[in-house]
Amino acid sequence: MVKTDSQKNSLKKKQKPLKNYLQFSGLAFQLLAAVLVGYWIGHWLDEKTGTSKPWYTVGLMAVFIVATMVRVIRELTNE
């Protein structure tokens, strides 16, 4: 059976919400990974440099979170 243009368009409309859902469900995991990587590298640097306060940990976590948010915003504006 050959699908008409209207059937193809309705199929695309049904797939788009699913694609959006899958795309944004990964956002939580991306943010979690960014925080964990920033923490791990920052903690390692704090131990190596012997800082009394966790400056590297806090700073790198913030940098990784901002970088992840910039990436998400760029993805959203490209759609």
N, C-alpha and C. Protein backbone atom coordinates (compact mmCIF):
# COMPACT_ATOMS: atom_id res chain seq x y z
N MET A 1 0.85 -1.18 0.00
CA MET A 1 0.00 0.00 0.00
C MET A 1 0.89 1.24 0.00
N VAL A 2 0.59 2.20 -0.85
CA VAL A 2 1.34 3.43 -0.98
C VAL A 2 0.75 4.47 -0.04
N LYS A 3 1.62 5.12 0.72
CA LYS A 3 1.16 6.15 1.66
C LYS A 3 1.04 7.48 0.94
N THR A 4 0.00 8.22 1.28
CA THR A 4 -0.19 9.55 0.70
C THR A 4 0.63 10.55 1.49
N ASP A 5 0.72 11.76 0.97
CA ASP A 5 1.47 12.82 1.65
C ASP A 5 0.89 13.14 3.02
N SER A 6 -0.42 13.14 3.12
CA SER A 6 -1.04 13.45 4.42
C SER A 6 -0.74 12.37 5.45
N GLN A 7 -0.67 11.12 5.01
CA GLN A 7 -0.33 10.04 5.93
C GLN A 7 1.13 10.17 6.38
N LYS A 8 2.01 10.54 5.47
CA LYS A 8 3.43 10.73 5.82
C LYS A 8 3.59 11.88 6.80
N ASN A 9 2.86 12.99 6.57
CA ASN A 9 2.94 14.13 7.47
C ASN A 9 2.42 13.79 8.86
N SER A 10 1.34 13.02 8.94
CA SER A 10 0.81 12.65 10.26
C SER A 10 1.77 11.71 10.98
N LEU A 11 2.47 10.87 10.23
CA LEU A 11 3.46 9.98 10.84
C LEU A 11 4.64 10.79 11.38
N LYS A 12 5.08 11.81 10.65
CA LYS A 12 6.16 12.68 11.11
C LYS A 12 5.75 13.44 12.37
N LYS A 13 4.49 13.89 12.42
CA LYS A 13 4.01 14.62 13.60
C LYS A 13 4.00 13.72 14.83
N LYS A 14 3.68 12.44 14.64
CA LYS A 14 3.68 11.51 15.77
C LYS A 14 5.09 11.21 16.22
N GLN A 15 6.05 11.16 15.31
CA GLN A 15 7.42 10.83 15.67
C GLN A 15 8.14 11.99 16.33
N LYS A 16 7.77 13.21 16.01
CA LYS A 16 8.46 14.38 16.56
C LYS A 16 8.37 14.46 18.08
N PRO A 17 7.19 14.28 18.70
CA PRO A 17 7.16 14.31 20.17
C PRO A 17 8.03 13.22 20.79
N LEU A 18 8.07 12.05 20.17
CA LEU A 18 8.90 10.98 20.69
C LEU A 18 10.37 11.36 20.59
N LYS A 19 10.76 11.96 19.48
CA LYS A 19 12.15 12.39 19.31
C LYS A 19 12.50 13.44 20.35
N ASN A 20 11.60 14.41 20.56
CA ASN A 20 11.84 15.45 21.57
C ASN A 20 11.96 14.85 22.96
N TYR A 21 11.09 13.89 23.26
CA TYR A 21 11.14 13.25 24.57
C TYR A 21 12.48 12.55 24.78
N LEU A 22 12.91 11.79 23.79
CA LEU A 22 14.18 11.07 23.92
C LEU A 22 15.36 12.03 24.02
N GLN A 23 15.30 13.11 23.26
CA GLN A 23 16.38 14.09 23.28
C GLN A 23 16.49 14.75 24.66
N PHE A 24 15.38 15.12 25.26
CA PHE A 24 15.42 15.84 26.52
C PHE A 24 15.53 14.91 27.73
N SER A 25 15.22 13.65 27.56
CA SER A 25 15.40 12.73 28.68
C SER A 25 16.87 12.52 28.97
N GLY A 26 17.72 12.68 27.97
CA GLY A 26 19.16 12.55 28.17
C GLY A 26 19.78 13.77 28.84
N LEU A 27 19.04 14.85 28.92
CA LEU A 27 19.56 16.09 29.52
C LEU A 27 19.97 15.89 30.97
N ALA A 28 19.17 15.19 31.74
CA ALA A 28 19.50 14.96 33.15
C ALA A 28 20.80 14.18 33.29
N PHE A 29 20.98 13.20 32.43
CA PHE A 29 22.21 12.42 32.48
C PHE A 29 23.42 13.23 32.05
N GLN A 30 23.24 14.11 31.08
CA GLN A 30 24.33 14.98 30.65
C GLN A 30 24.75 15.93 31.77
N LEU A 31 23.78 16.51 32.45
CA LEU A 31 24.10 17.42 33.56
C LEU A 31 24.76 16.67 34.72
N LEU A 32 24.26 15.49 35.01
CA LEU A 32 24.85 14.69 36.08
C LEU A 32 26.30 14.34 35.73
N ALA A 33 26.53 13.93 34.49
CA ALA A 33 27.89 13.59 34.07
C ALA A 33 28.80 14.81 34.14
N ALA A 34 28.30 15.98 33.76
CA ALA A 34 29.11 17.19 33.81
C ALA A 34 29.50 17.53 35.24
N VAL A 35 28.56 17.41 36.16
CA VAL A 35 28.86 17.70 37.57
C VAL A 35 29.87 16.70 38.12
N LEU A 36 29.69 15.43 37.81
CA LEU A 36 30.60 14.41 38.33
C LEU A 36 32.01 14.54 37.77
N VAL A 37 32.12 14.81 36.48
CA VAL A 37 33.45 14.99 35.88
C VAL A 37 34.13 16.23 36.44
N GLY A 38 33.38 17.33 36.56
CA GLY A 38 33.94 18.55 37.15
C GLY A 38 34.38 18.33 38.58
N TYR A 39 33.57 17.59 39.33
CA TYR A 39 33.93 17.30 40.72
C TYR A 39 35.20 16.45 40.78
N TRP A 40 35.24 15.42 39.98
CA TRP A 40 36.37 14.49 40.02
C TRP A 40 37.69 15.20 39.66
N ILE A 41 37.69 15.95 38.57
CA ILE A 41 38.91 16.66 38.16
C ILE A 41 39.27 17.75 39.18
N GLY A 42 38.28 18.50 39.64
CA GLY A 42 38.52 19.55 40.62
C GLY A 42 39.04 19.01 41.94
N HIS A 43 38.47 17.91 42.40
CA HIS A 43 38.92 17.29 43.65
C HIS A 43 40.37 16.81 43.51
N TRP A 44 40.67 16.22 42.36
CA TRP A 44 42.04 15.75 42.11
C TRP A 44 43.02 16.93 42.11
N LEU A 45 42.64 18.03 41.47
CA LEU A 45 43.50 19.22 41.45
C LEU A 45 43.65 19.83 42.84
N ASP A 46 42.58 19.86 43.60
CA ASP A 46 42.65 20.39 44.97
C ASP A 46 43.62 19.56 45.82
N GLU A 47 43.58 18.25 45.67
CA GLU A 47 44.50 17.40 46.43
C GLU A 47 45.95 17.60 45.97
N LYS A 48 46.17 17.71 44.66
CA LYS A 48 47.53 17.87 44.14
C LYS A 48 48.14 19.21 44.52
N THR A 49 47.34 20.26 44.53
CA THR A 49 47.87 21.58 44.83
C THR A 49 47.83 21.89 46.33
N GLY A 50 47.08 21.11 47.10
CA GLY A 50 47.02 21.30 48.54
C GLY A 50 46.24 22.53 48.97
N THR A 51 45.23 22.91 48.21
CA THR A 51 44.42 24.07 48.60
C THR A 51 43.59 23.74 49.83
N SER A 52 43.40 24.75 50.68
CA SER A 52 42.64 24.53 51.91
C SER A 52 41.13 24.52 51.66
N LYS A 53 40.70 25.18 50.60
CA LYS A 53 39.29 25.21 50.23
C LYS A 53 39.15 24.61 48.83
N PRO A 54 38.00 24.05 48.52
CA PRO A 54 37.84 23.35 47.23
C PRO A 54 37.58 24.29 46.04
N TRP A 55 38.51 25.19 45.77
CA TRP A 55 38.32 26.16 44.69
C TRP A 55 38.24 25.50 43.33
N TYR A 56 39.14 24.56 43.07
CA TYR A 56 39.13 23.89 41.78
C TYR A 56 37.85 23.06 41.59
N THR A 57 37.43 22.42 42.65
CA THR A 57 36.22 21.58 42.57
C THR A 57 35.01 22.44 42.21
N VAL A 58 34.81 23.50 42.93
CA VAL A 58 33.66 24.38 42.69
C VAL A 58 33.76 25.04 41.32
N GLY A 59 34.94 25.53 41.00
CA GLY A 59 35.14 26.21 39.72
C GLY A 59 34.92 25.30 38.52
N LEU A 60 35.49 24.11 38.57
CA LEU A 60 35.33 23.20 37.43
C LEU A 60 33.91 22.66 37.31
N MET A 61 33.26 22.45 38.43
CA MET A 61 31.86 22.03 38.35
C MET A 61 31.02 23.11 37.68
N ALA A 62 31.26 24.36 38.03
CA ALA A 62 30.53 25.48 37.41
C ALA A 62 30.83 25.57 35.92
N VAL A 63 32.09 25.42 35.56
CA VAL A 63 32.47 25.49 34.14
C VAL A 63 31.79 24.38 33.34
N PHE A 64 31.79 23.16 33.87
CA PHE A 64 31.18 22.04 33.17
C PHE A 64 29.67 22.21 33.06
N ILE A 65 29.02 22.75 34.09
CA ILE A 65 27.58 22.98 34.03
C ILE A 65 27.25 24.05 32.99
N VAL A 66 28.00 25.13 32.99
CA VAL A 66 27.76 26.20 32.01
C VAL A 66 27.99 25.68 30.59
N ALA A 67 29.05 24.91 30.39
CA ALA A 67 29.32 24.36 29.06
C ALA A 67 28.19 23.43 28.60
N THR A 68 27.66 22.64 29.51
CA THR A 68 26.55 21.75 29.16
C THR A 68 25.30 22.55 28.82
N MET A 69 25.03 23.59 29.58
CA MET A 69 23.85 24.41 29.30
C MET A 69 23.98 25.15 27.97
N VAL A 70 25.18 25.63 27.65
CA VAL A 70 25.40 26.29 26.36
C VAL A 70 25.14 25.31 25.23
N ARG A 71 25.60 24.09 25.39
CA ARG A 71 25.39 23.06 24.37
C ARG A 71 23.89 22.78 24.19
N VAL A 72 23.16 22.67 25.28
CA VAL A 72 21.72 22.42 25.21
C VAL A 72 21.01 23.58 24.54
N ILE A 73 21.37 24.80 24.89
CA ILE A 73 20.72 25.97 24.28
C ILE A 73 21.00 26.03 22.79
N ARG A 74 22.22 25.72 22.38
CA ARG A 74 22.55 25.70 20.95
C ARG A 74 21.74 24.63 20.22
N GLU A 75 21.57 23.47 20.85
CA GLU A 75 20.77 22.41 20.26
C GLU A 75 19.32 22.85 20.09
N LEU A 76 18.79 23.52 21.09
CA LEU A 76 17.39 23.96 21.03
C LEU A 76 17.17 25.03 19.98
N THR A 77 18.13 25.92 19.81
CA THR A 77 17.94 26.99 18.83
C THR A 77 18.17 26.52 17.41
N ASN A 78 18.82 25.40 17.22
CA ASN A 78 19.05 24.87 15.87
C ASN A 78 17.86 24.11 15.32
N GLU A 79 16.91 23.78 16.16
CA GLU A 79 15.75 22.99 15.69
C GLU A 79 14.70 23.84 15.07
